[in-house]
Every structure is written in C-alpha cells, then in structure tokens.
Amino acid sequence: MLTSTKPFTTFTARDLMSDPVVTIPQHLTLRAAARLMAREQISGVPVVDAEGKCVGILSAADFLALWARGEGAGDEAVSRHMTADPVTTSPATPITELARMMLDAHIHRVVVVDKERRPLGVVSSTDVLAAVNYEGNRR
C-alpha cells in the first residue's frame, strides 16, 4: 500500500516493487514452481541461477502455453520453459518508464535488479495501477 505524499509521477521502481521478492532456482521442477506460485499467490516469478542472477521469468502464461501445446512434464526444470532474458530495470526507474516498458514488451511485470542482476523486487502492472489509483484518491 502506497503511503507517500509525493506525486505519483515521481514514483520509482523502488517505491512500487514487491519486496522481498520470491525467486526460484532454474533447476526447480515445473511442479514445484507451480506449487510455490500457488502458495505465494503470484502469477509470475523471477528465475535465478546458482549465483542468484536473474536468468528468466516463469509466469502463469508459460504454464497455459505448455498446457495448450500438450507439453511440459511436471518433473522438467523451469529453465526449459521459462522466458529467458526477462525485462529488468534498476530501482531508480520512473513509473512512466516502467509503464512504457510493460506496454512495449506486452508484459505484466518487470524485475527490479541490482548491478549484478540479482532480483530486488518485482513491479507488476497492478502496482502501477495502484499508484495511479492512489493519486486519484489523494485529490
């Protein structure tokens, strides 16, 4: 929940991101990833390598695509089915740029990373909409 008094156009990824971020290792099975996502009530999760660097993202849309194609056994590693090279950004990225990134890439979340590409948080399209709503209710 946003409690800032500054205008929403000055919000950054740091202001909006979900923190702490839930991540999964790239070797985790699809079944285990699905269980974690259901338990955490999230529709997408950054995938990390052994060093904790973001190497992909696994989303509910990936599971739907697998199901539609009749692929993806539950014991396969998420690295085989994740979206590699996800859209990432720094904590200082302004809300307007975050919205543009999501629109341009047709995605619903951007992973906020540090200089070593380790996930710090996730900004979702819902987070951006919440900021817009917050601003509207402040007036």
C-alpha atoms as a PDB file:
ATOM      1  CA  MET A   1       0.000   0.000   0.000  1.00  0.00           C
ATOM      2  CA  LEU A   2       1.406   3.360  -1.018  1.00  0.00           C
ATOM      3  CA  THR A   3       1.616   5.970   1.709  1.00  0.00           C
ATOM      4  CA  SER A   4       3.822   8.548   0.060  1.00  0.00           C
ATOM      5  CA  THR A   5       2.900  12.212  -0.177  1.00  0.00           C
ATOM      6  CA  LYS A   6       4.879  12.802  -3.359  1.00  0.00           C
ATOM      7  CA  PRO A   7       3.162  12.948  -6.772  1.00  0.00           C
ATOM      8  CA  PHE A   8       2.798   9.521  -8.374  1.00  0.00           C
ATOM      9  CA  THR A   9       4.688  10.685 -11.468  1.00  0.00           C
ATOM     10  CA  THR A  10       7.816  10.820  -9.289  1.00  0.00           C
ATOM     11  CA  PHE A  11       7.428   7.223  -8.060  1.00  0.00           C
ATOM     12  CA  THR A  12      10.225   4.852  -8.981  1.00  0.00           C
ATOM     13  CA  ALA A  13      10.553   1.090  -9.191  1.00  0.00           C
ATOM     14  CA  ARG A  14      11.869   1.158  -5.604  1.00  0.00           C
ATOM     15  CA  ASP A  15       8.615   2.798  -4.440  1.00  0.00           C
ATOM     16  CA  LEU A  16       6.380   0.294  -6.246  1.00  0.00           C
ATOM     17  CA  MET A  17       8.188  -3.038  -6.166  1.00  0.00           C
ATOM     18  CA  SER A  18       7.092  -6.052  -4.174  1.00  0.00           C
ATOM     19  CA  ASP A  19       9.785  -6.694  -1.611  1.00  0.00           C
ATOM     20  CA  PRO A  20      11.100  -9.133  -0.593  1.00  0.00           C
ATOM     21  CA  VAL A  21      10.978 -10.846  -3.942  1.00  0.00           C
ATOM     22  CA  VAL A  22      10.134 -14.528  -4.311  1.00  0.00           C
ATOM     23  CA  THR A  23      12.530 -16.271  -6.716  1.00  0.00           C
ATOM     24  CA  ILE A  24      13.028 -19.826  -7.932  1.00  0.00           C
ATOM     25  CA  PRO A  25      16.203 -21.623  -9.000  1.00  0.00           C
ATOM     26  CA  GLN A  26      16.432 -22.541 -12.663  1.00  0.00           C
ATOM     27  CA  HIS A  27      16.749 -26.258 -11.848  1.00  0.00           C
ATOM     28  CA  LEU A  28      13.448 -26.357  -9.883  1.00  0.00           C
ATOM     29  CA  THR A  29      10.794 -28.592 -11.410  1.00  0.00           C
ATOM     30  CA  LEU A  30       7.715 -27.145 -13.051  1.00  0.00           C
ATOM     31  CA  ARG A  31       5.541 -28.934 -10.496  1.00  0.00           C
ATOM     32  CA  ALA A  32       7.441 -27.412  -7.565  1.00  0.00           C
ATOM     33  CA  ALA A  33       7.343 -23.982  -9.213  1.00  0.00           C
ATOM     34  CA  ALA A  34       3.569 -24.252  -9.701  1.00  0.00           C
ATOM     35  CA  ARG A  35       3.120 -25.195  -6.042  1.00  0.00           C
ATOM     36  CA  LEU A  36       5.244 -22.254  -4.890  1.00  0.00           C
ATOM     37  CA  MET A  37       3.393 -19.794  -7.130  1.00  0.00           C
ATOM     38  CA  ALA A  38       0.033 -21.063  -5.862  1.00  0.00           C
ATOM     39  CA  ARG A  39       1.142 -20.920  -2.225  1.00  0.00           C
ATOM     40  CA  GLU A  40       2.540 -17.387  -2.624  1.00  0.00           C
ATOM     41  CA  GLN A  41      -0.452 -16.328  -4.745  1.00  0.00           C
ATOM     42  CA  ILE A  42       1.734 -14.913  -7.504  1.00  0.00           C
ATOM     43  CA  SER A  43       1.345 -15.209 -11.270  1.00  0.00           C
ATOM     44  CA  GLY A  44       4.998 -14.798 -12.174  1.00  0.00           C
ATOM     45  CA  VAL A  45       8.347 -15.378 -10.545  1.00  0.00           C
ATOM     46  CA  PRO A  46      11.953 -14.481 -11.437  1.00  0.00           C
ATOM     47  CA  VAL A  47      14.202 -17.456 -12.156  1.00  0.00           C
ATOM     48  CA  VAL A  48      17.759 -17.270 -10.829  1.00  0.00           C
ATOM     49  CA  ASP A  49      20.991 -19.145 -11.492  1.00  0.00           C
ATOM     50  CA  ALA A  50      23.320 -20.573  -8.832  1.00  0.00           C
ATOM     51  CA  GLU A  51      24.800 -17.083  -8.252  1.00  0.00           C
ATOM     52  CA  GLY A  52      21.366 -15.537  -7.702  1.00  0.00           C
ATOM     53  CA  LYS A  53      21.347 -13.658 -11.014  1.00  0.00           C
ATOM     54  CA  CYS A  54      18.057 -13.263 -12.846  1.00  0.00           C
ATOM     55  CA  VAL A  55      18.128 -15.509 -15.926  1.00  0.00           C
ATOM     56  CA  GLY A  56      14.431 -15.705 -16.702  1.00  0.00           C
ATOM     57  CA  ILE A  57      10.872 -15.425 -15.543  1.00  0.00           C
ATOM     58  CA  LEU A  58       8.210 -18.093 -15.229  1.00  0.00           C
ATOM     59  CA  SER A  59       4.612 -16.948 -15.428  1.00  0.00           C
ATOM     60  CA  ALA A  60       1.139 -18.416 -15.403  1.00  0.00           C
ATOM     61  CA  ALA A  61       1.051 -17.664 -19.131  1.00  0.00           C
ATOM     62  CA  ASP A  62       4.006 -20.034 -19.601  1.00  0.00           C
ATOM     63  CA  PHE A  63       2.030 -22.802 -17.889  1.00  0.00           C
ATOM     64  CA  LEU A  64      -1.006 -22.094 -20.077  1.00  0.00           C
ATOM     65  CA  ALA A  65       1.117 -22.234 -23.217  1.00  0.00           C
ATOM     66  CA  LEU A  66       2.606 -25.575 -22.109  1.00  0.00           C
ATOM     67  CA  TRP A  67      -0.831 -26.984 -21.390  1.00  0.00           C
ATOM     68  CA  ALA A  68      -2.205 -25.755 -24.726  1.00  0.00           C
ATOM     69  CA  ARG A  69       0.658 -27.456 -26.591  1.00  0.00           C
ATOM     70  CA  GLY A  70       0.392 -30.621 -24.503  1.00  0.00           C
ATOM     71  CA  GLU A  71       4.000 -30.180 -23.350  1.00  0.00           C
ATOM     72  CA  GLY A  72       5.848 -29.788 -20.090  1.00  0.00           C
ATOM     73  CA  ALA A  73       6.078 -32.739 -17.776  1.00  0.00           C
ATOM     74  CA  GLY A  74       5.946 -31.713 -14.127  1.00  0.00           C
ATOM     75  CA  ASP A  75       9.439 -33.028 -13.435  1.00  0.00           C
ATOM     76  CA  GLU A  76      11.135 -30.867 -16.076  1.00  0.00           C
ATOM     77  CA  ALA A  77      13.325 -27.956 -14.983  1.00  0.00           C
ATOM     78  CA  VAL A  78      11.805 -24.483 -15.246  1.00  0.00           C
ATOM     79  CA  SER A  79      14.853 -23.416 -17.281  1.00  0.00           C
ATOM     80  CA  ARG A  80      13.418 -25.386 -20.226  1.00  0.00           C
ATOM     81  CA  HIS A  81      10.169 -23.411 -20.242  1.00  0.00           C
ATOM     82  CA  MET A  82      10.851 -20.006 -18.673  1.00  0.00           C
ATOM     83  CA  THR A  83      11.023 -16.795 -20.631  1.00  0.00           C
ATOM     84  CA  ALA A  84      14.752 -16.199 -20.883  1.00  0.00           C
ATOM     85  CA  ASP A  85      16.239 -12.705 -20.786  1.00  0.00           C
ATOM     86  CA  PRO A  86      13.348 -11.045 -18.923  1.00  0.00           C
ATOM     87  CA  VAL A  87      12.739  -7.322 -18.878  1.00  0.00           C
ATOM     88  CA  THR A  88      14.681  -5.922 -15.928  1.00  0.00           C
ATOM     89  CA  THR A  89      15.286  -2.464 -14.546  1.00  0.00           C
ATOM     90  CA  SER A  90      17.042  -0.572 -11.781  1.00  0.00           C
ATOM     91  CA  PRO A  91      15.338   0.647  -8.602  1.00  0.00           C
ATOM     92  CA  ALA A  92      15.580   4.264  -9.854  1.00  0.00           C
ATOM     93  CA  THR A  93      13.448   3.743 -12.977  1.00  0.00           C
ATOM     94  CA  PRO A  94      10.491   6.194 -13.011  1.00  0.00           C
ATOM     95  CA  ILE A  95       6.902   4.916 -13.081  1.00  0.00           C
ATOM     96  CA  THR A  96       6.329   6.373 -16.544  1.00  0.00           C
ATOM     97  CA  GLU A  97       9.252   4.388 -17.939  1.00  0.00           C
ATOM     98  CA  LEU A  98       8.076   1.227 -16.157  1.00  0.00           C
ATOM     99  CA  ALA A  99       4.654   1.588 -17.772  1.00  0.00           C
ATOM    100  CA  ARG A 100       6.236   2.129 -21.194  1.00  0.00           C
ATOM    101  CA  MET A 101       8.466  -0.951 -20.750  1.00  0.00           C
ATOM    102  CA  MET A 102       5.436  -3.110 -19.934  1.00  0.00           C
ATOM    103  CA  LEU A 103       3.394  -1.759 -22.821  1.00  0.00           C
ATOM    104  CA  ASP A 104       6.210  -2.101 -25.353  1.00  0.00           C
ATOM    105  CA  ALA A 105       7.042  -5.671 -24.327  1.00  0.00           C
ATOM    106  CA  HIS A 106       3.385  -6.719 -23.737  1.00  0.00           C
ATOM    107  CA  ILE A 107       4.223  -7.940 -20.235  1.00  0.00           C
ATOM    108  CA  HIS A 108       2.709  -7.600 -16.779  1.00  0.00           C
ATOM    109  CA  ARG A 109       5.820  -7.436 -14.605  1.00  0.00           C
ATOM    110  CA  VAL A 110       9.334  -6.024 -14.620  1.00  0.00           C
ATOM    111  CA  VAL A 111      12.055  -7.483 -12.417  1.00  0.00           C
ATOM    112  CA  VAL A 112      13.969  -4.864 -10.414  1.00  0.00           C
ATOM    113  CA  VAL A 113      17.615  -5.928 -10.197  1.00  0.00           C
ATOM    114  CA  ASP A 114      20.867  -4.697  -8.700  1.00  0.00           C
ATOM    115  CA  LYS A 115      24.061  -4.123 -10.714  1.00  0.00           C
ATOM    116  CA  GLU A 116      24.829  -7.854 -10.617  1.00  0.00           C
ATOM    117  CA  ARG A 117      21.333  -8.695 -11.987  1.00  0.00           C
ATOM    118  CA  ARG A 118      20.171 -10.129  -8.654  1.00  0.00           C
ATOM    119  CA  PRO A 119      16.428  -9.566  -8.156  1.00  0.00           C
ATOM    120  CA  LEU A 120      15.476  -6.950  -5.568  1.00  0.00           C
ATOM    121  CA  GLY A 121      11.762  -6.864  -6.288  1.00  0.00           C
ATOM    122  CA  VAL A 122       9.071  -7.022  -8.948  1.00  0.00           C
ATOM    123  CA  VAL A 123       6.873  -4.219 -10.255  1.00  0.00           C
ATOM    124  CA  SER A 124       3.634  -5.505 -11.732  1.00  0.00           C
ATOM    125  CA  SER A 125       1.072  -3.740 -13.865  1.00  0.00           C
ATOM    126  CA  THR A 126      -1.190  -3.896 -10.808  1.00  0.00           C
ATOM    127  CA  ASP A 127       1.431  -1.951  -8.830  1.00  0.00           C
ATOM    128  CA  VAL A 128       1.426   0.778 -11.486  1.00  0.00           C
ATOM    129  CA  LEU A 129      -2.380   0.891 -11.491  1.00  0.00           C
ATOM    130  CA  ALA A 130      -2.420   1.079  -7.684  1.00  0.00           C
ATOM    131  CA  ALA A 131      -0.155   4.138  -7.856  1.00  0.00           C
ATOM    132  CA  VAL A 132      -2.498   5.805 -10.344  1.00  0.00           C
ATOM    133  CA  ASN A 133      -5.485   4.985  -8.130  1.00  0.00           C
ATOM    134  CA  TYR A 134      -3.661   6.265  -5.045  1.00  0.00           C
ATOM    135  CA  GLU A 135      -3.005   9.572  -6.785  1.00  0.00           C
ATOM    136  CA  GLY A 136      -6.648   9.837  -7.829  1.00  0.00           C
ATOM    137  CA  ASN A 137      -7.830   9.231  -4.272  1.00  0.00           C
ATOM    138  CA  ARG A 138      -5.409  11.797  -2.804  1.00  0.00           C
ATOM    139  CA  ARG A 139      -7.150  14.636  -4.598  1.00  0.00           C
END
